[in-house]
Amino acid sequence: MEKLTRRTFFKAAGATAAVAAAKAHALAPDEALHAHGAAAAPATGAQAQPAYLFLRPDEARFVEAAVARLIPLDGNGPGALEAGVPNYIDRQLGGAWGAGERLYRSGPWQPGLPGQGYQLPFTPSELFRNALRAIHDDVQKRRNTTFDKLPGNEQDAYLESLQTGNQDLNGVPAHTFFESLLALTIEGFFADPIYGGNKDMVAWRMIGFPGAYASFYHLVDQHGVLFTRPPMSMGEDNRRMIHIQPVSAQPKAVGPNPVDGTGKKGGK
């Protein structure tokens, strides 16, 4: 995996940000976030995350550690862990998208060309569960520990081996799993907080994205004036509280995730 700095990450993810702002699944109905507070303080593993719906404890520890390496906390702002990305991923996998609601599931299951899209028989939740179990067993066998307990440089090396390799993870090619994990991490970091990630809109504040204001009419003729209003979520009420949507309320929009629910098969 190429050394991922904030600069290279945002360069690669710039096109994703606008699309991901309107994406995917969510938290439980009654949970809420303060929309306009200060940037979130650094989280501490699972203690900083709400209860998971899909991820098992060992799976959650891998996801938390992995996303923290993909988008790390640094001097520019919070990383993926502090932004609640693991919770976003959990809600995706635990909802209709994770169950393969929009996937073509009738086969035949044969290796396809790059332009033919996702070709595996697994739903997204099955893909993650199979791959995470294989990763756990592999690290345990080779290092007698778990991924989350490896030093940071060794975590990076292992993620790079997933990105560039084709080893079998219980039927899932390693690079396919990595691409899915990275895409969900980027989505969760930039998505509207209504879907469970981008806690306190930390990513939007960092890049200056205003969010879901209904109208900018009063600014149309104010050229050269810096926009200074805080970002706004689609889920804000009149008290500026964000009401997170339930998992079943929102199908995942098509995005960069190779398991994108388009049902691509043989180019169709």
C-alpha atoms as a PDB file:
ATOM      1  CA  MET A   1       0.000   0.000   0.000  1.00  0.00           C
ATOM      2  CA  GLU A   2       1.420   3.347  -1.022  1.00  0.00           C
ATOM      3  CA  LYS A   3       2.167   5.578   1.951  1.00  0.00           C
ATOM      4  CA  LEU A   4      -1.129   7.380   2.448  1.00  0.00           C
ATOM      5  CA  THR A   5      -0.785  11.007   3.520  1.00  0.00           C
ATOM      6  CA  ARG A   6      -3.651  13.397   4.020  1.00  0.00           C
ATOM      7  CA  ARG A   7      -2.683  15.129   0.775  1.00  0.00           C
ATOM      8  CA  THR A   8      -2.688  11.964  -1.356  1.00  0.00           C
ATOM      9  CA  PHE A   9      -5.795  10.642   0.347  1.00  0.00           C
ATOM     10  CA  PHE A  10      -7.895  13.714  -0.348  1.00  0.00           C
ATOM     11  CA  LYS A  11      -6.570  13.898  -3.887  1.00  0.00           C
ATOM     12  CA  ALA A  12      -7.767  10.334  -4.492  1.00  0.00           C
ATOM     13  CA  ALA A  13     -10.996  10.748  -2.584  1.00  0.00           C
ATOM     14  CA  GLY A  14     -12.019  14.174  -3.864  1.00  0.00           C
ATOM     15  CA  ALA A  15     -14.387  12.796  -6.460  1.00  0.00           C
ATOM     16  CA  THR A  16     -15.865  10.483  -3.865  1.00  0.00           C
ATOM     17  CA  ALA A  17     -16.684  13.157  -1.302  1.00  0.00           C
ATOM     18  CA  ALA A  18     -19.653  14.725  -3.076  1.00  0.00           C
ATOM     19  CA  VAL A  19     -21.192  11.345  -3.909  1.00  0.00           C
ATOM     20  CA  ALA A  20     -20.548   9.867  -0.489  1.00  0.00           C
ATOM     21  CA  ALA A  21     -22.239  12.808   1.204  1.00  0.00           C
ATOM     22  CA  ALA A  22     -25.606  11.309   0.262  1.00  0.00           C
ATOM     23  CA  LYS A  23     -24.853   7.638   0.972  1.00  0.00           C
ATOM     24  CA  ALA A  24     -25.962   4.503   2.633  1.00  0.00           C
ATOM     25  CA  HIS A  25     -27.106   3.002   5.908  1.00  0.00           C
ATOM     26  CA  ALA A  26     -27.384   4.243   9.445  1.00  0.00           C
ATOM     27  CA  LEU A  27     -27.682   3.994  13.202  1.00  0.00           C
ATOM     28  CA  ALA A  28     -30.613   3.115  15.402  1.00  0.00           C
ATOM     29  CA  PRO A  29     -33.651   5.432  15.164  1.00  0.00           C
ATOM     30  CA  ASP A  30     -33.358   7.257  18.457  1.00  0.00           C
ATOM     31  CA  GLU A  31     -29.622   7.909  18.497  1.00  0.00           C
ATOM     32  CA  ALA A  32     -28.469  11.480  17.840  1.00  0.00           C
ATOM     33  CA  LEU A  33     -25.296  13.501  17.462  1.00  0.00           C
ATOM     34  CA  HIS A  34     -24.589  17.139  18.283  1.00  0.00           C
ATOM     35  CA  ALA A  35     -24.209  18.750  14.911  1.00  0.00           C
ATOM     36  CA  HIS A  36     -22.201  21.875  15.632  1.00  0.00           C
ATOM     37  CA  GLY A  37     -19.869  21.011  18.467  1.00  0.00           C
ATOM     38  CA  ALA A  38     -16.096  21.052  18.372  1.00  0.00           C
ATOM     39  CA  ALA A  39     -14.194  18.328  16.545  1.00  0.00           C
ATOM     40  CA  ALA A  40     -14.498  14.971  18.252  1.00  0.00           C
ATOM     41  CA  ALA A  41     -11.867  14.006  20.778  1.00  0.00           C
ATOM     42  CA  PRO A  42      -9.774  10.958  19.896  1.00  0.00           C
ATOM     43  CA  ALA A  43     -11.682   7.751  20.410  1.00  0.00           C
ATOM     44  CA  THR A  44     -10.354   4.729  22.237  1.00  0.00           C
ATOM     45  CA  GLY A  45     -11.246   1.589  20.339  1.00  0.00           C
ATOM     46  CA  ALA A  46     -14.604  -0.030  20.858  1.00  0.00           C
ATOM     47  CA  GLN A  47     -15.345   2.080  23.937  1.00  0.00           C
ATOM     48  CA  ALA A  48     -15.855   5.107  21.685  1.00  0.00           C
ATOM     49  CA  GLN A  49     -18.282   3.304  19.378  1.00  0.00           C
ATOM     50  CA  PRO A  50     -21.972   2.517  19.894  1.00  0.00           C
ATOM     51  CA  ALA A  51     -22.931  -1.135  20.168  1.00  0.00           C
ATOM     52  CA  TYR A  52     -22.414  -2.953  16.889  1.00  0.00           C
ATOM     53  CA  LEU A  53     -25.271  -4.644  15.058  1.00  0.00           C
ATOM     54  CA  PHE A  54     -23.276  -6.873  12.725  1.00  0.00           C
ATOM     55  CA  LEU A  55     -19.616  -6.930  13.680  1.00  0.00           C
ATOM     56  CA  ARG A  56     -18.520  -9.465  16.264  1.00  0.00           C
ATOM     57  CA  PRO A  57     -15.972  -8.301  18.856  1.00  0.00           C
ATOM     58  CA  ASP A  58     -12.951  -9.746  17.032  1.00  0.00           C
ATOM     59  CA  GLU A  59     -14.220  -8.381  13.703  1.00  0.00           C
ATOM     60  CA  ALA A  60     -14.834  -4.951  15.228  1.00  0.00           C
ATOM     61  CA  ARG A  61     -11.288  -4.841  16.600  1.00  0.00           C
ATOM     62  CA  PHE A  62      -9.870  -5.509  13.133  1.00  0.00           C
ATOM     63  CA  VAL A  63     -12.090  -2.914  11.454  1.00  0.00           C
ATOM     64  CA  GLU A  64     -11.295  -0.274  14.066  1.00  0.00           C
ATOM     65  CA  ALA A  65      -7.555  -0.869  13.776  1.00  0.00           C
ATOM     66  CA  ALA A  66      -7.602  -1.059   9.970  1.00  0.00           C
ATOM     67  CA  VAL A  67      -9.581   2.132   9.332  1.00  0.00           C
ATOM     68  CA  ALA A  68      -7.334   3.961  11.796  1.00  0.00           C
ATOM     69  CA  ARG A  69      -4.398   3.070   9.532  1.00  0.00           C
ATOM     70  CA  LEU A  70      -6.241   3.963   6.315  1.00  0.00           C
ATOM     71  CA  ILE A  71      -7.284   7.435   7.547  1.00  0.00           C
ATOM     72  CA  PRO A  72      -5.188   8.178  10.628  1.00  0.00           C
ATOM     73  CA  LEU A  73      -5.622  10.827  13.265  1.00  0.00           C
ATOM     74  CA  ASP A  74      -3.062  13.574  12.675  1.00  0.00           C
ATOM     75  CA  GLY A  75      -2.469  17.276  13.085  1.00  0.00           C
ATOM     76  CA  ASN A  76      -5.053  18.111  10.428  1.00  0.00           C
ATOM     77  CA  GLY A  77      -7.922  16.507  12.268  1.00  0.00           C
ATOM     78  CA  PRO A  78      -9.576  13.285  13.415  1.00  0.00           C
ATOM     79  CA  GLY A  79      -9.142  10.042  11.517  1.00  0.00           C
ATOM     80  CA  ALA A  80     -11.606   7.362  10.510  1.00  0.00           C
ATOM     81  CA  LEU A  81     -11.870   5.896  13.999  1.00  0.00           C
ATOM     82  CA  GLU A  82     -12.668   9.240  15.608  1.00  0.00           C
ATOM     83  CA  ALA A  83     -15.198   9.968  12.858  1.00  0.00           C
ATOM     84  CA  GLY A  84     -17.182   6.818  13.661  1.00  0.00           C
ATOM     85  CA  VAL A  85     -16.356   5.000  10.411  1.00  0.00           C
ATOM     86  CA  PRO A  86     -16.496   1.533  12.042  1.00  0.00           C
ATOM     87  CA  ASN A  87     -20.087   2.221  13.033  1.00  0.00           C
ATOM     88  CA  TYR A  88     -20.921   3.254   9.464  1.00  0.00           C
ATOM     89  CA  ILE A  89     -19.399   0.026   8.137  1.00  0.00           C
ATOM     90  CA  ASP A  90     -21.272  -2.019  10.729  1.00  0.00           C
ATOM     91  CA  ARG A  91     -24.586  -0.414   9.762  1.00  0.00           C
ATOM     92  CA  GLN A  92     -23.912  -1.036   6.092  1.00  0.00           C
ATOM     93  CA  LEU A  93     -23.163  -4.704   6.628  1.00  0.00           C
ATOM     94  CA  GLY A  94     -26.048  -5.190   9.041  1.00  0.00           C
ATOM     95  CA  GLY A  95     -28.662  -3.717   6.728  1.00  0.00           C
ATOM     96  CA  ALA A  96     -30.326  -4.518   3.423  1.00  0.00           C
ATOM     97  CA  TRP A  97     -27.225  -3.658   1.409  1.00  0.00           C
ATOM     98  CA  GLY A  98     -25.146  -6.043   3.481  1.00  0.00           C
ATOM     99  CA  ALA A  99     -27.706  -8.761   2.821  1.00  0.00           C
ATOM    100  CA  GLY A 100     -27.255  -8.283  -0.939  1.00  0.00           C
ATOM    101  CA  GLU A 101     -30.627  -6.668  -1.550  1.00  0.00           C
ATOM    102  CA  ARG A 102     -29.563  -5.342  -4.963  1.00  0.00           C
ATOM    103  CA  LEU A 103     -27.041  -7.979  -5.964  1.00  0.00           C
ATOM    104  CA  TYR A 104     -27.465 -10.436  -8.804  1.00  0.00           C
ATOM    105  CA  ARG A 105     -27.406 -13.797  -7.011  1.00  0.00           C
ATOM    106  CA  SER A 106     -28.163 -16.450  -9.652  1.00  0.00           C
ATOM    107  CA  GLY A 107     -24.710 -17.198 -11.071  1.00  0.00           C
ATOM    108  CA  PRO A 108     -22.846 -18.585 -12.875  1.00  0.00           C
ATOM    109  CA  TRP A 109     -19.967 -17.700 -10.567  1.00  0.00           C
ATOM    110  CA  GLN A 110     -16.924 -17.407 -12.794  1.00  0.00           C
ATOM    111  CA  PRO A 111     -13.976 -14.999 -12.813  1.00  0.00           C
ATOM    112  CA  GLY A 112     -14.891 -11.962 -14.867  1.00  0.00           C
ATOM    113  CA  LEU A 113     -13.059  -9.234 -16.694  1.00  0.00           C
ATOM    114  CA  PRO A 114     -12.307  -5.993 -14.788  1.00  0.00           C
ATOM    115  CA  GLY A 115     -15.118  -4.180 -16.580  1.00  0.00           C
ATOM    116  CA  GLN A 116     -17.725  -6.768 -15.641  1.00  0.00           C
ATOM    117  CA  GLY A 117     -18.013  -5.728 -12.021  1.00  0.00           C
ATOM    118  CA  TYR A 118     -18.435  -7.849  -8.942  1.00  0.00           C
ATOM    119  CA  GLN A 119     -18.421 -11.581  -9.736  1.00  0.00           C
ATOM    120  CA  LEU A 120     -18.458 -13.378  -6.378  1.00  0.00           C
ATOM    121  CA  PRO A 121     -21.442 -15.305  -4.946  1.00  0.00           C
ATOM    122  CA  PHE A 122     -21.199 -13.561  -1.567  1.00  0.00           C
ATOM    123  CA  THR A 123     -23.348 -10.774  -0.214  1.00  0.00           C
ATOM    124  CA  PRO A 124     -21.302  -7.891   1.241  1.00  0.00           C
ATOM    125  CA  SER A 125     -21.873  -9.204   4.767  1.00  0.00           C
ATOM    126  CA  GLU A 126     -20.780 -12.700   3.721  1.00  0.00           C
ATOM    127  CA  LEU A 127     -17.722 -11.266   1.994  1.00  0.00           C
ATOM    128  CA  PHE A 128     -16.643  -9.420   5.139  1.00  0.00           C
ATOM    129  CA  ARG A 129     -17.421 -12.290   7.493  1.00  0.00           C
ATOM    130  CA  ASN A 130     -15.494 -14.819   5.419  1.00  0.00           C
ATOM    131  CA  ALA A 131     -12.526 -12.522   4.861  1.00  0.00           C
ATOM    132  CA  LEU A 132     -12.309 -11.352   8.459  1.00  0.00           C
ATOM    133  CA  ARG A 133     -12.364 -14.919   9.744  1.00  0.00           C
ATOM    134  CA  ALA A 134      -9.538 -15.863   7.373  1.00  0.00           C
ATOM    135  CA  ILE A 135      -7.498 -12.801   8.364  1.00  0.00           C
ATOM    136  CA  HIS A 136      -7.949 -13.572  12.059  1.00  0.00           C
ATOM    137  CA  ASP A 137      -6.782 -17.156  11.558  1.00  0.00           C
ATOM    138  CA  ASP A 138      -3.844 -16.089   9.371  1.00  0.00           C
ATOM    139  CA  VAL A 139      -2.485 -13.500  11.805  1.00  0.00           C
ATOM    140  CA  GLN A 140      -3.059 -15.841  14.736  1.00  0.00           C
ATOM    141  CA  LYS A 141      -1.152 -18.636  12.981  1.00  0.00           C
ATOM    142  CA  ARG A 142       1.767 -16.504  11.803  1.00  0.00           C
ATOM    143  CA  ARG A 143       2.129 -14.100  14.738  1.00  0.00           C
ATOM    144  CA  ASN A 144       0.187 -15.746  17.563  1.00  0.00           C
ATOM    145  CA  THR A 145      -1.749 -12.524  18.059  1.00  0.00           C
ATOM    146  CA  THR A 146      -4.478 -10.461  16.399  1.00  0.00           C
ATOM    147  CA  PHE A 147      -4.237  -7.674  13.824  1.00  0.00           C
ATOM    148  CA  ASP A 148      -5.210  -4.936  16.262  1.00  0.00           C
ATOM    149  CA  LYS A 149      -2.288  -5.837  18.547  1.00  0.00           C
ATOM    150  CA  LEU A 150       0.353  -5.604  15.822  1.00  0.00           C
ATOM    151  CA  PRO A 151       2.602  -2.504  15.733  1.00  0.00           C
ATOM    152  CA  GLY A 152       1.422   0.163  13.305  1.00  0.00           C
ATOM    153  CA  ASN A 153       4.102  -0.529  10.708  1.00  0.00           C
ATOM    154  CA  GLU A 154       3.201  -4.217  10.693  1.00  0.00           C
ATOM    155  CA  GLN A 155      -0.485  -3.388  10.324  1.00  0.00           C
ATOM    156  CA  ASP A 156       0.421  -1.251   7.300  1.00  0.00           C
ATOM    157  CA  ALA A 157       2.460  -4.077   5.817  1.00  0.00           C
ATOM    158  CA  TYR A 158      -0.374  -6.531   6.289  1.00  0.00           C
ATOM    159  CA  LEU A 159      -2.901  -4.179   4.696  1.00  0.00           C
ATOM    160  CA  GLU A 160      -0.513  -3.727   1.784  1.00  0.00           C
ATOM    161  CA  SER A 161      -0.352  -7.496   1.365  1.00  0.00           C
ATOM    162  CA  LEU A 162      -4.150  -7.533   1.140  1.00  0.00           C
ATOM    163  CA  GLN A 163      -4.216  -4.671  -1.346  1.00  0.00           C
ATOM    164  CA  THR A 164      -1.648  -6.146  -3.714  1.00  0.00           C
ATOM    165  CA  GLY A 165      -2.254  -9.850  -3.156  1.00  0.00           C
ATOM    166  CA  ASN A 166      -4.692 -12.402  -4.427  1.00  0.00           C
ATOM    167  CA  GLN A 167      -4.543 -14.834  -1.540  1.00  0.00           C
ATOM    168  CA  ASP A 168      -7.776 -16.656  -0.791  1.00  0.00           C
ATOM    169  CA  LEU A 169      -9.688 -15.429   2.255  1.00  0.00           C
ATOM    170  CA  ASN A 170     -12.305 -18.153   2.544  1.00  0.00           C
ATOM    171  CA  GLY A 171     -13.282 -17.654  -1.080  1.00  0.00           C
ATOM    172  CA  VAL A 172     -12.684 -13.885  -1.174  1.00  0.00           C
ATOM    173  CA  PRO A 173      -9.642 -12.570  -3.089  1.00  0.00           C
ATOM    174  CA  ALA A 174      -7.595 -10.444  -0.696  1.00  0.00           C
ATOM    175  CA  HIS A 175      -7.506  -7.417  -2.999  1.00  0.00           C
ATOM    176  CA  THR A 176     -11.303  -7.519  -3.384  1.00  0.00           C
ATOM    177  CA  PHE A 177     -11.733  -7.388   0.374  1.00  0.00           C
ATOM    178  CA  PHE A 178      -9.232  -4.540   0.689  1.00  0.00           C
ATOM    179  CA  GLU A 179     -10.931  -2.501  -2.035  1.00  0.00           C
ATOM    180  CA  SER A 180     -14.283  -2.980  -0.300  1.00  0.00           C
ATOM    181  CA  LEU A 181     -12.867  -1.985   3.078  1.00  0.00           C
ATOM    182  CA  LEU A 182     -11.147   1.104   1.674  1.00  0.00           C
ATOM    183  CA  ALA A 183     -14.237   2.228  -0.230  1.00  0.00           C
ATOM    184  CA  LEU A 184     -16.465   1.873   2.837  1.00  0.00           C
ATOM    185  CA  THR A 185     -13.886   3.738   4.918  1.00  0.00           C
ATOM    186  CA  ILE A 186     -13.880   6.687   2.514  1.00  0.00           C
ATOM    187  CA  GLU A 187     -17.685   6.658   2.328  1.00  0.00           C
ATOM    188  CA  GLY A 188     -18.078   6.566   6.103  1.00  0.00           C
ATOM    189  CA  PHE A 189     -15.621   9.415   6.545  1.00  0.00           C
ATOM    190  CA  PHE A 190     -17.371  11.761   4.100  1.00  0.00           C
ATOM    191  CA  ALA A 191     -21.025  10.661   4.302  1.00  0.00           C
ATOM    192  CA  ASP A 192     -23.731  12.747   5.907  1.00  0.00           C
ATOM    193  CA  PRO A 193     -23.712  11.934   9.648  1.00  0.00           C
ATOM    194  CA  ILE A 194     -27.311  10.792   9.287  1.00  0.00           C
ATOM    195  CA  TYR A 195     -25.832   7.511   8.020  1.00  0.00           C
ATOM    196  CA  GLY A 196     -23.611   6.843  11.015  1.00  0.00           C
ATOM    197  CA  GLY A 197     -20.159   8.109  10.058  1.00  0.00           C
ATOM    198  CA  ASN A 198     -18.531  11.545   9.803  1.00  0.00           C
ATOM    199  CA  LYS A 199     -19.258  12.114  13.479  1.00  0.00           C
ATOM    200  CA  ASP A 200     -19.794  15.784  14.309  1.00  0.00           C
ATOM    201  CA  MET A 201     -19.199  16.423  10.578  1.00  0.00           C
ATOM    202  CA  VAL A 202     -15.448  16.398  11.193  1.00  0.00           C
ATOM    203  CA  ALA A 203     -14.628  15.546   7.567  1.00  0.00           C
ATOM    204  CA  TRP A 204     -16.871  18.291   6.226  1.00  0.00           C
ATOM    205  CA  ARG A 205     -15.344  20.842   8.574  1.00  0.00           C
ATOM    206  CA  MET A 206     -11.870  19.819   7.473  1.00  0.00           C
ATOM    207  CA  ILE A 207     -12.544  20.243   3.728  1.00  0.00           C
ATOM    208  CA  GLY A 208     -14.970  23.167   4.045  1.00  0.00           C
ATOM    209  CA  PHE A 209     -18.005  21.328   2.692  1.00  0.00           C
ATOM    210  CA  PRO A 210     -21.240  23.086   3.785  1.00  0.00           C
ATOM    211  CA  GLY A 211     -23.489  20.042   3.768  1.00  0.00           C
ATOM    212  CA  ALA A 212     -27.230  20.070   3.196  1.00  0.00           C
ATOM    213  CA  TYR A 213     -28.335  23.696   3.311  1.00  0.00           C
ATOM    214  CA  ALA A 214     -31.644  23.993   1.497  1.00  0.00           C
ATOM    215  CA  SER A 215     -30.813  27.328  -0.105  1.00  0.00           C
ATOM    216  CA  PHE A 216     -27.843  29.597  -0.724  1.00  0.00           C
ATOM    217  CA  TYR A 217     -30.000  32.246  -2.414  1.00  0.00           C
ATOM    218  CA  HIS A 218     -28.931  35.043  -0.091  1.00  0.00           C
ATOM    219  CA  LEU A 219     -25.302  34.469  -1.102  1.00  0.00           C
ATOM    220  CA  VAL A 220     -25.789  34.435  -4.883  1.00  0.00           C
ATOM    221  CA  ASP A 221     -24.707  38.053  -5.386  1.00  0.00           C
ATOM    222  CA  GLN A 222     -22.065  38.113  -2.628  1.00  0.00           C
ATOM    223  CA  HIS A 223     -18.987  37.386  -4.701  1.00  0.00           C
ATOM    224  CA  GLY A 224     -15.653  36.807  -2.996  1.00  0.00           C
ATOM    225  CA  VAL A 225     -17.238  36.470   0.442  1.00  0.00           C
ATOM    226  CA  LEU A 226     -15.954  33.576   2.547  1.00  0.00           C
ATOM    227  CA  PHE A 227     -18.684  31.127   3.519  1.00  0.00           C
ATOM    228  CA  THR A 228     -18.326  30.714   7.273  1.00  0.00           C
ATOM    229  CA  ARG A 229     -21.506  28.972   8.385  1.00  0.00           C
ATOM    230  CA  PRO A 230     -21.008  25.540   9.979  1.00  0.00           C
ATOM    231  CA  PRO A 231     -21.953  22.494   7.902  1.00  0.00           C
ATOM    232  CA  MET A 232     -25.467  21.113   8.125  1.00  0.00           C
ATOM    233  CA  SER A 233     -26.706  17.512   8.004  1.00  0.00           C
ATOM    234  CA  MET A 234     -29.846  16.296   6.256  1.00  0.00           C
ATOM    235  CA  GLY A 235     -30.989  14.903   9.589  1.00  0.00           C
ATOM    236  CA  GLU A 236     -30.843  18.079  11.688  1.00  0.00           C
ATOM    237  CA  ASP A 237     -33.894  19.296  13.550  1.00  0.00           C
ATOM    238  CA  ASN A 238     -34.581  22.855  14.697  1.00  0.00           C
ATOM    239  CA  ARG A 239     -32.340  22.266  17.714  1.00  0.00           C
ATOM    240  CA  ARG A 240     -29.483  21.292  15.402  1.00  0.00           C
ATOM    241  CA  MET A 241     -29.521  17.718  16.590  1.00  0.00           C
ATOM    242  CA  ILE A 242     -28.867  14.991  14.008  1.00  0.00           C
ATOM    243  CA  HIS A 243     -31.381  12.164  14.079  1.00  0.00           C
ATOM    244  CA  ILE A 244     -29.715   9.070  12.683  1.00  0.00           C
ATOM    245  CA  GLN A 245     -31.823   6.974  10.347  1.00  0.00           C
ATOM    246  CA  PRO A 246     -32.569   3.331  11.126  1.00  0.00           C
ATOM    247  CA  VAL A 247     -30.655   0.702   9.198  1.00  0.00           C
ATOM    248  CA  SER A 248     -33.682  -0.394   7.178  1.00  0.00           C
ATOM    249  CA  ALA A 249     -34.603   3.109   6.059  1.00  0.00           C
ATOM    250  CA  GLN A 250     -32.027   3.705   3.372  1.00  0.00           C
ATOM    251  CA  PRO A 251     -30.714   1.481   0.580  1.00  0.00           C
ATOM    252  CA  LYS A 252     -27.066   2.015  -0.221  1.00  0.00           C
ATOM    253  CA  ALA A 253     -26.446   4.233  -3.216  1.00  0.00           C
ATOM    254  CA  VAL A 254     -24.150   3.045  -5.984  1.00  0.00           C
ATOM    255  CA  GLY A 255     -20.595   4.124  -5.265  1.00  0.00           C
ATOM    256  CA  PRO A 256     -16.938   3.144  -5.617  1.00  0.00           C
ATOM    257  CA  ASN A 257     -17.335  -0.015  -3.531  1.00  0.00           C
ATOM    258  CA  PRO A 258     -16.697  -3.057  -5.745  1.00  0.00           C
ATOM    259  CA  VAL A 259     -19.603  -4.708  -3.962  1.00  0.00           C
ATOM    260  CA  ASP A 260     -21.883  -1.883  -4.989  1.00  0.00           C
ATOM    261  CA  GLY A 261     -25.252  -3.554  -5.316  1.00  0.00           C
ATOM    262  CA  THR A 262     -25.520  -2.963  -9.050  1.00  0.00           C
ATOM    263  CA  GLY A 263     -25.852  -6.641  -9.850  1.00  0.00           C
ATOM    264  CA  LYS A 264     -23.222  -6.429 -12.572  1.00  0.00           C
ATOM    265  CA  LYS A 265     -22.770  -9.770 -14.252  1.00  0.00           C
ATOM    266  CA  GLY A 266     -21.244 -10.275 -17.638  1.00  0.00           C
ATOM    267  CA  GLY A 267     -21.353  -6.524 -18.212  1.00  0.00           C
ATOM    268  CA  LYS A 268     -25.091  -6.313 -17.472  1.00  0.00           C
END
